[in-house]
């Protein structure tokens, strides 16, 4: 499922909240929390901005930028665990420093 975004995460400084529109026209508010570049591909981590953190479906959303476009798409199954672990490693290493 491809997802289109309204604001480029590599663009100008601004809000960390993005409205993501999926292929069926559903809008989601996501807070951009981090970006990792790996082999020329940008992977982005988001948290739902329009969902209660106590909701059982609340959690990190990982998407990647389609090269040469402003579109985002879901990760392939073989990418997901590696990218998730990289984001968690960064998150916890930053917590240890502070």
C-alpha atoms as a PDB file:
ATOM      1  CA  UNK A   1       0.000   0.000   0.000  1.00  0.00           C
ATOM      2  CA  UNK A   2       1.520   3.299  -1.053  1.00  0.00           C
ATOM      3  CA  UNK A   3       0.934   6.330   1.079  1.00  0.00           C
ATOM      4  CA  UNK A   4       1.094   9.928  -0.078  1.00  0.00           C
ATOM      5  CA  UNK A   5       2.151  12.692   2.252  1.00  0.00           C
ATOM      6  CA  UNK A   6       1.416  16.373   2.196  1.00  0.00           C
ATOM      7  CA  UNK A   7       4.800  17.624   3.401  1.00  0.00           C
ATOM      8  CA  UNK A   8       8.249  16.366   2.478  1.00  0.00           C
ATOM      9  CA  UNK A   9      10.183  15.113   5.516  1.00  0.00           C
ATOM     10  CA  UNK A  10      13.387  16.246   3.806  1.00  0.00           C
ATOM     11  CA  UNK A  11      11.995  19.730   3.156  1.00  0.00           C
ATOM     12  CA  UNK A  12      11.914  22.980   5.106  1.00  0.00           C
ATOM     13  CA  UNK A  13      11.765  23.207   8.872  1.00  0.00           C
ATOM     14  CA  UNK A  14       8.256  23.091  10.189  1.00  0.00           C
ATOM     15  CA  UNK A  15       5.780  20.996  12.051  1.00  0.00           C
ATOM     16  CA  UNK A  16       6.615  17.411  12.903  1.00  0.00           C
ATOM     17  CA  UNK A  17       2.967  16.470  12.312  1.00  0.00           C
ATOM     18  CA  UNK A  18       2.108  15.062   8.890  1.00  0.00           C
ATOM     19  CA  UNK A  19      -1.206  14.193   7.305  1.00  0.00           C
ATOM     20  CA  UNK A  20      -0.774  10.918   5.473  1.00  0.00           C
ATOM     21  CA  UNK A  21      -3.384   9.882   2.905  1.00  0.00           C
ATOM     22  CA  UNK A  22      -3.574   6.227   1.925  1.00  0.00           C
ATOM     23  CA  UNK A  23      -4.738   4.819  -1.425  1.00  0.00           C
ATOM     24  CA  UNK A  24      -8.332   4.627  -0.181  1.00  0.00           C
ATOM     25  CA  UNK A  25      -8.411   8.320   0.778  1.00  0.00           C
ATOM     26  CA  UNK A  26      -8.155   7.776   4.535  1.00  0.00           C
ATOM     27  CA  UNK A  27      -6.207  10.478   6.357  1.00  0.00           C
ATOM     28  CA  UNK A  28      -3.920   9.814   9.318  1.00  0.00           C
ATOM     29  CA  UNK A  29      -2.136  12.333  11.523  1.00  0.00           C
ATOM     30  CA  UNK A  30       1.393  11.124  12.304  1.00  0.00           C
ATOM     31  CA  UNK A  31       4.182  12.709  14.315  1.00  0.00           C
ATOM     32  CA  UNK A  32       7.575  12.310  12.637  1.00  0.00           C
ATOM     33  CA  UNK A  33      10.072  11.196  15.286  1.00  0.00           C
ATOM     34  CA  UNK A  34      13.171  10.116  13.343  1.00  0.00           C
ATOM     35  CA  UNK A  35      14.663   9.394   9.913  1.00  0.00           C
ATOM     36  CA  UNK A  36      17.386   6.935   8.981  1.00  0.00           C
ATOM     37  CA  UNK A  37      19.163   6.925   5.613  1.00  0.00           C
ATOM     38  CA  UNK A  38      20.446   3.515   4.575  1.00  0.00           C
ATOM     39  CA  UNK A  39      21.906   2.766   1.151  1.00  0.00           C
ATOM     40  CA  UNK A  40      20.273   5.856  -0.344  1.00  0.00           C
ATOM     41  CA  UNK A  41      16.806   5.047   1.025  1.00  0.00           C
ATOM     42  CA  UNK A  42      15.147   7.180   3.706  1.00  0.00           C
ATOM     43  CA  UNK A  43      13.239   5.307   6.398  1.00  0.00           C
ATOM     44  CA  UNK A  44      10.933   7.360   8.616  1.00  0.00           C
ATOM     45  CA  UNK A  45       9.514   6.575  12.044  1.00  0.00           C
ATOM     46  CA  UNK A  46       6.193   8.065  13.127  1.00  0.00           C
ATOM     47  CA  UNK A  47       3.842   7.872  16.085  1.00  0.00           C
ATOM     48  CA  UNK A  48       0.086   8.314  15.653  1.00  0.00           C
ATOM     49  CA  UNK A  49      -0.802  11.907  16.565  1.00  0.00           C
ATOM     50  CA  UNK A  50      -4.545  11.298  16.394  1.00  0.00           C
ATOM     51  CA  UNK A  51      -4.660   8.232  18.647  1.00  0.00           C
ATOM     52  CA  UNK A  52      -4.644   7.793  22.420  1.00  0.00           C
ATOM     53  CA  UNK A  53      -1.280   6.361  23.566  1.00  0.00           C
ATOM     54  CA  UNK A  54      -3.230   3.919  25.765  1.00  0.00           C
ATOM     55  CA  UNK A  55      -4.977   2.437  22.696  1.00  0.00           C
ATOM     56  CA  UNK A  56      -3.764  -1.132  22.061  1.00  0.00           C
ATOM     57  CA  UNK A  57      -3.119  -0.265  18.379  1.00  0.00           C
ATOM     58  CA  UNK A  58      -0.862   2.683  19.283  1.00  0.00           C
ATOM     59  CA  UNK A  59       2.755   2.153  18.226  1.00  0.00           C
ATOM     60  CA  UNK A  60       5.547   3.106  15.908  1.00  0.00           C
ATOM     61  CA  UNK A  61       4.739   3.376  12.198  1.00  0.00           C
ATOM     62  CA  UNK A  62       7.653   2.763   9.821  1.00  0.00           C
ATOM     63  CA  UNK A  63       7.540   3.965   6.219  1.00  0.00           C
ATOM     64  CA  UNK A  64      10.133   4.531   3.513  1.00  0.00           C
ATOM     65  CA  UNK A  65      10.378   7.258   0.931  1.00  0.00           C
ATOM     66  CA  UNK A  66       9.998   6.124  -2.658  1.00  0.00           C
ATOM     67  CA  UNK A  67      13.267   7.280  -4.307  1.00  0.00           C
ATOM     68  CA  UNK A  68      12.827  10.331  -6.517  1.00  0.00           C
ATOM     69  CA  UNK A  69       9.307  11.063  -5.239  1.00  0.00           C
ATOM     70  CA  UNK A  70       7.500  12.575  -2.279  1.00  0.00           C
ATOM     71  CA  UNK A  71       5.592   9.344  -1.686  1.00  0.00           C
ATOM     72  CA  UNK A  72       5.948   6.995   1.241  1.00  0.00           C
ATOM     73  CA  UNK A  73       5.293   3.273   1.243  1.00  0.00           C
ATOM     74  CA  UNK A  74       5.238   0.411   3.684  1.00  0.00           C
ATOM     75  CA  UNK A  75       8.432  -1.518   4.274  1.00  0.00           C
ATOM     76  CA  UNK A  76       8.959  -4.917   2.721  1.00  0.00           C
ATOM     77  CA  UNK A  77       8.654  -7.820   5.175  1.00  0.00           C
ATOM     78  CA  UNK A  78      12.395  -8.541   4.967  1.00  0.00           C
ATOM     79  CA  UNK A  79      13.252  -4.881   5.809  1.00  0.00           C
ATOM     80  CA  UNK A  80      10.866  -4.332   8.688  1.00  0.00           C
ATOM     81  CA  UNK A  81      12.680  -6.082  11.561  1.00  0.00           C
ATOM     82  CA  UNK A  82      16.100  -4.631  10.658  1.00  0.00           C
ATOM     83  CA  UNK A  83      14.805  -1.066  10.309  1.00  0.00           C
ATOM     84  CA  UNK A  84      12.724  -1.358  13.498  1.00  0.00           C
ATOM     85  CA  UNK A  85      15.804  -2.539  15.417  1.00  0.00           C
ATOM     86  CA  UNK A  86      17.888   0.344  14.033  1.00  0.00           C
ATOM     87  CA  UNK A  87      15.309   2.906  15.201  1.00  0.00           C
ATOM     88  CA  UNK A  88      15.048   1.289  18.642  1.00  0.00           C
ATOM     89  CA  UNK A  89      18.834   1.246  18.983  1.00  0.00           C
ATOM     90  CA  UNK A  90      18.982   4.967  18.168  1.00  0.00           C
ATOM     91  CA  UNK A  91      16.124   5.756  20.515  1.00  0.00           C
ATOM     92  CA  UNK A  92      17.605   3.923  23.467  1.00  0.00           C
ATOM     93  CA  UNK A  93      21.149   5.182  22.849  1.00  0.00           C
ATOM     94  CA  UNK A  94      19.809   8.770  22.925  1.00  0.00           C
ATOM     95  CA  UNK A  95      17.986   8.017  26.208  1.00  0.00           C
ATOM     96  CA  UNK A  96      21.232   6.706  27.726  1.00  0.00           C
ATOM     97  CA  UNK A  97      23.091   9.925  26.810  1.00  0.00           C
ATOM     98  CA  UNK A  98      20.528  12.241  28.407  1.00  0.00           C
END
